[in-house]
Amino acid sequence: RVELELTLAATEACPWLDVELRLPERLDRAGEPTRRVLALHAGETRTLEYSIDCPRWGAFHVASIRLSARDQLHLRRAERLVEPTTTLRVYPSAERLRRLAGPRATRPVTGSRPAAVAGEGIEFAELRFLAPGERARRINWRASAARGRLLVNDRLPERSSDVVLFLDTLGAAATSAASTLDHAVRAAASLSEAYLRQRDRVGLLRFGGDIEWIIPGSGLRQQYRIADALLESELSRTHRWRDTSLIPRRILPPQSLIVALTPRLDWRVTRALLNLRRRGYQVSIIEIDPLPYLADAEAAAGSLAWRTWLLERDAVRTGLAGAGIALASWGADKPIAAPVEALATAR
């Protein structure tokens, strides 16, 4: 909820002033009236207060104000429309995630993720026999006493990784209250915050009418850069084929993890993810289940067409799994932690 104050100052007396607050479609007035009629004396200043509910994420021009003034006999009338100059940014709510899908490879930069090879670090890897030149502080004296030979502790160094969030804006299933794109944006905000908290580099790739991206980076500034880009995500319907070769190489660093957020309603998105997998990238998919938004689709298309479409979705899901792509389905009534946990345990 956002509190809005409107200050009116009258240089001359105004016996009748009609003030109408016009909000964008996605903002609500919290049940209060949007029109007020009042009288102002000469030199009087009046402040009107409004409460605005923001049920959906996005960037909005706050409000336009229509002023209609009349004299005491309603013989003269003057109107003015004040256009908004302030942008209200409503960020999607981010869910706290305790576990994330980890990439197979890490970068040679210090982070919070244990590397796959042993070295100087904190995480315990294994025990092995002492080699010439080893430091004495690495000797595990308890294990050495049990085995009768000197054993040393091997540890895993802490490294960071590259993660690219793949946001599908080509297709969406929607109702008057919500859509699969809304849930995808909310999931992307939660994932970016969680990966950046682990000191990974995170980037964003919006696959829609025009391919837009944010170069992977780290830190709080990168988190807000991604959040601002998510606010501009809208459904882009186009018949042009977007090839993954159009994506610059610096957007998809080698051995990076690509987490796709898609309802899988457009075949071009599936083909693009398969192409990325063939190029050697580790790809994971969070499928936003579109079925709750398609309640009337079976009656409109027919029972046979509906069952055929469901079988095609299952066949594509099997093909993605055969290509080595981990996929987890996510319903709108479940927390985002559920599919993320499924991806973290997938091998």
Protein backbone atom coordinates (compact mmCIF):
# COMPACT_ATOMS: atom_id res chain seq x y z
CA ARG A 1 0.00 0.00 0.00
CA VAL A 2 1.27 3.44 -0.99
CA GLU A 3 0.14 6.71 0.56
CA LEU A 4 -0.41 9.56 -1.92
CA GLU A 5 -0.80 13.21 -0.93
CA LEU A 6 -2.31 15.85 -3.24
CA THR A 7 -1.84 19.49 -2.26
CA LEU A 8 -4.19 22.12 -3.71
CA ALA A 9 -3.44 25.83 -3.41
CA ALA A 10 -6.04 28.45 -4.50
CA THR A 11 -5.01 32.02 -5.38
CA GLU A 12 -8.68 32.98 -5.78
CA ALA A 13 -11.84 31.66 -4.18
CA CYS A 14 -13.27 28.52 -5.79
CA PRO A 15 -16.76 27.60 -4.52
CA TRP A 16 -16.87 24.31 -6.46
CA LEU A 17 -13.86 22.16 -7.27
CA ASP A 18 -14.25 18.61 -8.54
CA VAL A 19 -11.05 16.56 -8.06
CA GLU A 20 -10.84 13.18 -9.77
CA LEU A 21 -7.89 10.82 -9.29
CA ARG A 22 -7.32 8.54 -12.30
CA LEU A 23 -5.18 5.49 -11.57
CA PRO A 24 -3.72 2.92 -13.98
CA GLU A 25 -5.71 -0.27 -14.47
CA ARG A 26 -3.39 -2.37 -12.31
CA LEU A 27 -3.64 -0.12 -9.26
CA ASP A 28 -6.55 -0.03 -6.83
CA ARG A 29 -7.92 2.74 -4.62
CA ALA A 30 -8.44 0.39 -1.63
CA GLY A 31 -12.21 0.91 -1.67
CA GLU A 32 -12.06 4.70 -1.27
CA PRO A 33 -13.78 7.14 -3.69
CA THR A 34 -11.68 8.55 -6.51
CA ARG A 35 -13.68 11.80 -6.82
CA ARG A 36 -14.00 14.55 -4.23
CA VAL A 37 -15.86 17.86 -4.38
CA LEU A 38 -14.71 20.72 -2.16
CA ALA A 39 -14.62 24.51 -1.86
CA LEU A 40 -11.47 26.59 -1.45
CA HIS A 41 -11.16 30.12 -0.13
CA ALA A 42 -8.72 32.64 -1.52
CA GLY A 43 -5.19 31.77 -0.38
CA GLU A 44 -6.29 28.47 1.17
CA THR A 45 -4.18 25.30 0.89
CA ARG A 46 -5.79 21.87 1.19
CA THR A 47 -4.09 18.47 1.30
CA LEU A 48 -5.95 15.35 0.17
CA GLU A 49 -4.72 11.90 1.16
CA TYR A 50 -5.23 8.69 -0.82
CA SER A 51 -4.29 5.06 -0.18
CA ILE A 52 -3.29 3.01 -3.22
CA ASP A 53 -3.06 -0.79 -3.28
CA CYS A 54 -0.52 -2.43 -5.59
CA PRO A 55 -1.68 -6.01 -6.22
CA ARG A 56 0.79 -6.60 -9.07
CA TRP A 57 4.40 -5.84 -9.84
CA GLY A 58 5.29 -3.31 -12.50
CA ALA A 59 6.38 0.25 -13.24
CA PHE A 60 3.43 2.67 -13.26
CA HIS A 61 2.87 6.36 -13.78
CA VAL A 62 1.28 7.13 -10.45
CA ALA A 63 -1.92 8.95 -11.41
CA SER A 64 -3.42 11.66 -13.56
CA ILE A 65 -5.59 14.29 -11.87
CA ARG A 66 -8.60 15.96 -13.48
CA LEU A 67 -9.61 19.29 -11.95
CA SER A 68 -12.97 20.87 -12.76
CA ALA A 69 -13.72 24.29 -11.22
CA ARG A 70 -17.03 26.18 -11.39
CA ASP A 71 -18.37 29.45 -10.06
CA GLN A 72 -21.14 29.71 -7.48
CA LEU A 73 -23.93 29.75 -10.11
CA HIS A 74 -22.24 27.11 -12.29
CA LEU A 75 -22.20 29.51 -15.21
CA ARG A 76 -18.47 29.38 -15.78
CA ARG A 77 -16.36 26.26 -15.88
CA ALA A 78 -12.65 25.55 -16.18
CA GLU A 79 -10.98 22.16 -16.49
CA ARG A 80 -7.40 20.99 -16.32
CA LEU A 81 -5.75 17.57 -16.59
CA VAL A 82 -2.49 17.12 -14.69
CA GLU A 83 -0.40 14.31 -16.17
CA PRO A 84 1.84 12.24 -13.87
CA THR A 85 5.58 12.81 -13.81
CA THR A 86 6.51 10.27 -11.11
CA THR A 87 7.05 6.57 -11.75
CA LEU A 88 6.02 4.08 -9.09
CA ARG A 89 8.05 0.87 -9.12
CA VAL A 90 6.42 -2.14 -7.48
CA TYR A 91 8.93 -4.97 -7.12
CA PRO A 92 7.78 -8.60 -7.02
CA SER A 93 7.87 -10.25 -3.63
CA ALA A 94 10.93 -12.47 -3.25
CA GLU A 95 10.72 -15.80 -1.47
CA ARG A 96 13.51 -16.99 0.79
CA LEU A 97 15.23 -20.04 -0.70
CA ARG A 98 17.44 -22.28 1.42
CA ARG A 99 18.68 -24.61 -1.32
CA LEU A 100 19.51 -23.96 -4.97
CA ALA A 101 20.37 -25.98 -8.03
CA GLY A 102 24.15 -25.92 -8.23
CA PRO A 103 26.15 -25.77 -11.47
CA ARG A 104 28.58 -28.52 -12.34
CA ALA A 105 31.48 -26.09 -12.86
CA THR A 106 32.68 -23.11 -10.86
CA ARG A 107 34.76 -20.04 -11.63
CA PRO A 108 38.30 -19.50 -10.24
CA VAL A 109 36.96 -16.69 -8.07
CA THR A 110 36.24 -16.89 -4.36
CA GLY A 111 32.60 -17.47 -3.50
CA SER A 112 30.36 -19.60 -1.30
CA ARG A 113 30.09 -22.75 -3.44
CA PRO A 114 32.43 -25.74 -2.88
CA ALA A 115 34.45 -26.52 -6.00
CA ALA A 116 34.63 -29.96 -7.59
CA VAL A 117 38.41 -30.25 -7.14
CA ALA A 118 40.37 -30.30 -3.89
CA GLY A 119 42.47 -27.40 -2.69
CA GLU A 120 42.73 -24.88 0.10
CA GLY A 121 39.29 -24.37 1.61
CA ILE A 122 36.89 -25.09 4.43
CA GLU A 123 34.68 -27.92 3.13
CA PHE A 124 36.07 -31.41 3.86
CA ALA A 125 36.65 -33.52 0.73
CA GLU A 126 38.48 -36.78 1.66
CA LEU A 127 41.38 -38.40 3.49
CA ARG A 128 44.55 -39.41 1.63
CA PHE A 129 48.08 -40.50 2.46
CA LEU A 130 50.74 -37.92 3.20
CA ALA A 131 52.79 -36.85 0.19
CA PRO A 132 56.26 -35.32 0.30
CA GLY A 133 56.12 -31.59 0.90
CA GLU A 134 52.71 -31.61 2.64
CA ARG A 135 52.12 -29.16 5.46
CA ALA A 136 52.06 -30.68 8.90
CA ARG A 137 48.92 -28.79 9.87
CA ARG A 138 46.92 -30.78 7.31
CA ILE A 139 47.70 -34.11 9.04
CA ASN A 140 44.68 -35.82 10.60
CA TRP A 141 46.33 -37.26 13.71
CA ARG A 142 43.32 -39.26 14.88
CA ALA A 143 42.90 -41.03 11.53
CA SER A 144 46.68 -41.50 11.25
CA ALA A 145 46.79 -43.21 14.67
CA ALA A 146 43.99 -45.59 13.64
CA ARG A 147 45.58 -46.53 10.30
CA GLY A 148 49.21 -46.53 11.37
CA ARG A 149 50.18 -44.18 8.49
CA LEU A 150 50.09 -40.44 8.17
CA LEU A 151 46.85 -39.19 6.57
CA VAL A 152 46.00 -35.64 5.54
CA ASN A 153 42.69 -33.86 5.06
CA ASP A 154 41.78 -32.72 1.57
CA ARG A 155 39.38 -29.81 1.41
CA LEU A 156 37.27 -28.14 -1.28
CA PRO A 157 37.95 -24.48 -2.07
CA GLU A 158 35.02 -22.05 -2.12
CA ARG A 159 34.31 -20.72 -5.59
CA SER A 160 31.57 -18.83 -7.39
CA SER A 161 29.62 -19.74 -10.52
CA ASP A 162 27.74 -18.13 -13.40
CA VAL A 163 23.93 -18.35 -13.49
CA VAL A 164 21.70 -17.00 -16.28
CA LEU A 165 17.94 -16.71 -15.73
CA PHE A 166 16.05 -17.45 -18.96
CA LEU A 167 12.65 -15.71 -18.86
CA ASP A 168 10.09 -16.80 -21.46
CA THR A 169 7.90 -13.87 -22.58
CA LEU A 170 6.67 -15.44 -25.82
CA GLY A 171 3.62 -17.18 -24.38
CA ALA A 172 1.55 -17.06 -21.22
CA ALA A 173 -1.70 -18.41 -19.83
CA ALA A 174 -3.67 -15.83 -17.89
CA THR A 175 -6.88 -15.00 -16.11
CA SER A 176 -8.20 -11.63 -15.01
CA ALA A 177 -6.34 -11.95 -11.69
CA ALA A 178 -2.95 -13.47 -12.56
CA SER A 179 -0.87 -15.11 -15.28
CA THR A 180 2.03 -17.49 -15.66
CA LEU A 181 4.25 -14.51 -16.48
CA ASP A 182 3.49 -13.00 -13.06
CA HIS A 183 4.68 -16.17 -11.34
CA ALA A 184 7.73 -16.39 -13.61
CA VAL A 185 8.77 -12.84 -12.70
CA ARG A 186 8.28 -13.56 -8.99
CA ALA A 187 10.37 -16.73 -9.29
CA ALA A 188 13.11 -14.88 -11.19
CA ALA A 189 13.29 -12.25 -8.45
CA SER A 190 13.59 -14.93 -5.75
CA LEU A 191 16.23 -16.89 -7.66
CA SER A 192 18.36 -13.85 -8.48
CA GLU A 193 18.36 -12.74 -4.85
CA ALA A 194 19.27 -16.23 -3.61
CA TYR A 195 22.11 -16.79 -6.10
CA LEU A 196 23.54 -13.32 -5.53
CA ARG A 197 23.44 -13.98 -1.80
CA GLN A 198 25.76 -16.93 -2.44
CA ARG A 199 28.14 -14.55 -4.26
CA ASP A 200 27.47 -16.04 -7.69
CA ARG A 201 27.35 -13.98 -10.86
CA VAL A 202 23.76 -13.73 -12.13
CA GLY A 203 22.49 -12.53 -15.51
CA LEU A 204 19.06 -12.26 -17.14
CA LEU A 205 17.94 -13.22 -20.64
CA ARG A 206 14.41 -12.31 -21.76
CA PHE A 207 13.41 -14.46 -24.70
CA GLY A 208 10.52 -12.68 -26.39
CA GLY A 209 9.77 -10.43 -29.35
CA ASP A 210 13.24 -8.91 -28.95
CA ILE A 211 16.00 -10.72 -27.12
CA GLU A 212 17.06 -8.56 -24.17
CA TRP A 213 19.70 -9.38 -21.63
CA ILE A 214 21.70 -8.25 -18.63
CA ILE A 215 25.35 -9.26 -18.47
CA PRO A 216 26.10 -11.52 -15.46
CA GLY A 217 27.30 -9.61 -12.44
CA SER A 218 27.26 -9.71 -8.66
CA GLY A 219 26.37 -7.49 -5.76
CA LEU A 220 23.37 -5.49 -4.62
CA ARG A 221 23.49 -3.22 -7.67
CA GLN A 222 23.12 -6.25 -9.95
CA GLN A 223 20.12 -7.40 -7.92
CA TYR A 224 18.28 -4.13 -8.49
CA ARG A 225 19.39 -4.04 -12.12
CA ILE A 226 17.71 -7.40 -12.66
CA ALA A 227 14.64 -6.36 -10.66
CA ASP A 228 14.19 -3.20 -12.76
CA ALA A 229 14.47 -5.28 -15.93
CA LEU A 230 11.85 -7.71 -14.64
CA LEU A 231 9.41 -4.83 -14.13
CA GLU A 232 9.51 -4.19 -17.87
CA SER A 233 8.68 -7.81 -18.77
CA GLU A 234 5.53 -7.98 -20.82
CA LEU A 235 4.08 -10.62 -23.08
CA SER A 236 5.58 -10.31 -26.59
CA ARG A 237 3.72 -12.17 -29.30
CA THR A 238 5.72 -12.44 -32.51
CA HIS A 239 5.93 -14.88 -35.41
CA ARG A 240 9.65 -14.30 -35.97
CA TRP A 241 12.00 -17.14 -35.15
CA ARG A 242 14.66 -16.20 -32.64
CA ASP A 243 17.80 -18.27 -33.00
CA THR A 244 20.11 -18.73 -29.99
CA SER A 245 23.04 -17.76 -32.23
CA LEU A 246 21.81 -14.16 -31.88
CA ILE A 247 22.67 -14.24 -28.17
CA PRO A 248 26.14 -12.72 -27.55
CA ARG A 249 28.65 -15.14 -26.06
CA ARG A 250 29.39 -12.91 -23.09
CA ILE A 251 25.76 -13.26 -21.97
CA LEU A 252 26.16 -17.04 -21.64
CA PRO A 253 29.59 -17.63 -20.11
CA PRO A 254 31.12 -21.09 -20.67
CA GLN A 255 29.99 -23.78 -18.18
CA SER A 256 27.25 -21.56 -16.80
CA LEU A 257 23.94 -22.75 -15.38
CA ILE A 258 20.84 -21.66 -17.27
CA VAL A 259 17.59 -21.68 -15.27
CA ALA A 260 14.60 -21.28 -17.58
CA LEU A 261 11.21 -20.04 -16.36
CA THR A 262 8.56 -20.95 -18.91
CA PRO A 263 5.03 -22.40 -19.22
CA ARG A 264 6.19 -24.26 -22.37
CA LEU A 265 3.42 -22.87 -24.55
CA ASP A 266 5.63 -21.93 -27.50
CA TRP A 267 7.69 -24.47 -29.43
CA ARG A 268 10.40 -21.88 -30.14
CA VAL A 269 11.31 -21.71 -26.45
CA THR A 270 11.68 -25.49 -26.25
CA ARG A 271 13.85 -25.51 -29.37
CA ALA A 272 16.03 -22.70 -28.03
CA LEU A 273 16.63 -24.54 -24.74
CA LEU A 274 17.52 -27.73 -26.61
CA ASN A 275 19.99 -25.74 -28.72
CA LEU A 276 21.60 -24.34 -25.59
CA ARG A 277 21.90 -27.84 -24.16
CA ARG A 278 23.60 -29.05 -27.36
CA ARG A 279 26.06 -26.18 -27.05
CA GLY A 280 27.22 -27.66 -23.74
CA TYR A 281 25.36 -25.52 -21.23
CA GLN A 282 23.76 -26.96 -18.12
CA VAL A 283 20.04 -26.23 -18.48
CA SER A 284 17.32 -26.53 -15.82
CA ILE A 285 13.67 -25.68 -16.39
CA ILE A 286 11.04 -24.50 -13.91
CA GLU A 287 7.77 -25.12 -15.72
CA ILE A 288 4.97 -22.79 -14.58
CA ASP A 289 1.94 -25.05 -14.87
CA PRO A 290 -0.55 -23.38 -17.28
CA LEU A 291 -3.42 -25.83 -16.65
CA PRO A 292 -5.05 -23.84 -13.79
CA TYR A 293 -5.44 -20.93 -16.24
CA LEU A 294 -7.01 -23.07 -18.99
CA ALA A 295 -10.23 -24.13 -17.30
CA ASP A 296 -12.39 -23.55 -20.39
CA ALA A 297 -9.87 -24.74 -22.98
CA GLU A 298 -11.12 -28.34 -23.09
CA ALA A 299 -14.70 -27.26 -23.76
CA ALA A 300 -13.58 -24.77 -26.42
CA ALA A 301 -11.15 -27.05 -28.28
CA GLY A 302 -12.84 -30.40 -27.75
CA SER A 303 -11.93 -33.43 -25.68
CA LEU A 304 -9.81 -35.08 -28.40
CA ALA A 305 -7.74 -31.96 -29.12
CA TRP A 306 -7.24 -31.35 -25.41
CA ARG A 307 -5.95 -34.86 -24.74
CA THR A 308 -3.69 -34.67 -27.79
CA TRP A 309 -2.20 -31.43 -26.53
CA LEU A 310 -1.53 -32.97 -23.11
CA LEU A 311 0.15 -35.97 -24.72
CA GLU A 312 2.35 -33.66 -26.78
CA ARG A 313 3.44 -31.83 -23.62
CA ASP A 314 4.36 -35.15 -21.99
CA ALA A 315 6.31 -36.18 -25.09
CA VAL A 316 8.27 -32.91 -25.10
CA ARG A 317 8.95 -33.29 -21.38
CA THR A 318 10.36 -36.77 -22.01
CA GLY A 319 12.52 -35.41 -24.84
CA LEU A 320 13.93 -32.70 -22.58
CA ALA A 321 14.80 -35.24 -19.91
CA GLY A 322 16.49 -37.41 -22.53
CA ALA A 323 18.63 -34.46 -23.58
CA GLY A 324 19.92 -34.06 -20.02
CA ILE A 325 17.70 -31.13 -19.01
CA ALA A 326 16.30 -31.19 -15.48
CA LEU A 327 12.65 -30.11 -15.34
CA ALA A 328 10.43 -29.36 -12.36
CA SER A 329 6.76 -28.38 -12.56
CA TRP A 330 5.50 -25.54 -10.38
CA GLY A 331 1.86 -24.85 -9.54
CA ALA A 332 0.65 -21.38 -8.66
CA ASP A 333 -0.55 -22.55 -5.22
CA LYS A 334 2.88 -23.88 -4.19
CA PRO A 335 5.96 -22.01 -2.97
CA ILE A 336 8.81 -21.53 -5.39
CA ALA A 337 11.05 -23.50 -3.02
CA ALA A 338 9.33 -26.74 -4.10
CA PRO A 339 10.53 -26.84 -7.75
CA VAL A 340 13.91 -25.37 -6.77
CA GLU A 341 14.39 -28.22 -4.30
CA ALA A 342 13.45 -30.72 -7.03
CA LEU A 343 16.10 -29.22 -9.35
CA ALA A 344 18.70 -29.25 -6.57
CA THR A 345 18.21 -33.00 -6.00
CA ALA A 346 18.04 -33.88 -9.73
CA ARG A 347 21.10 -35.57 -11.21
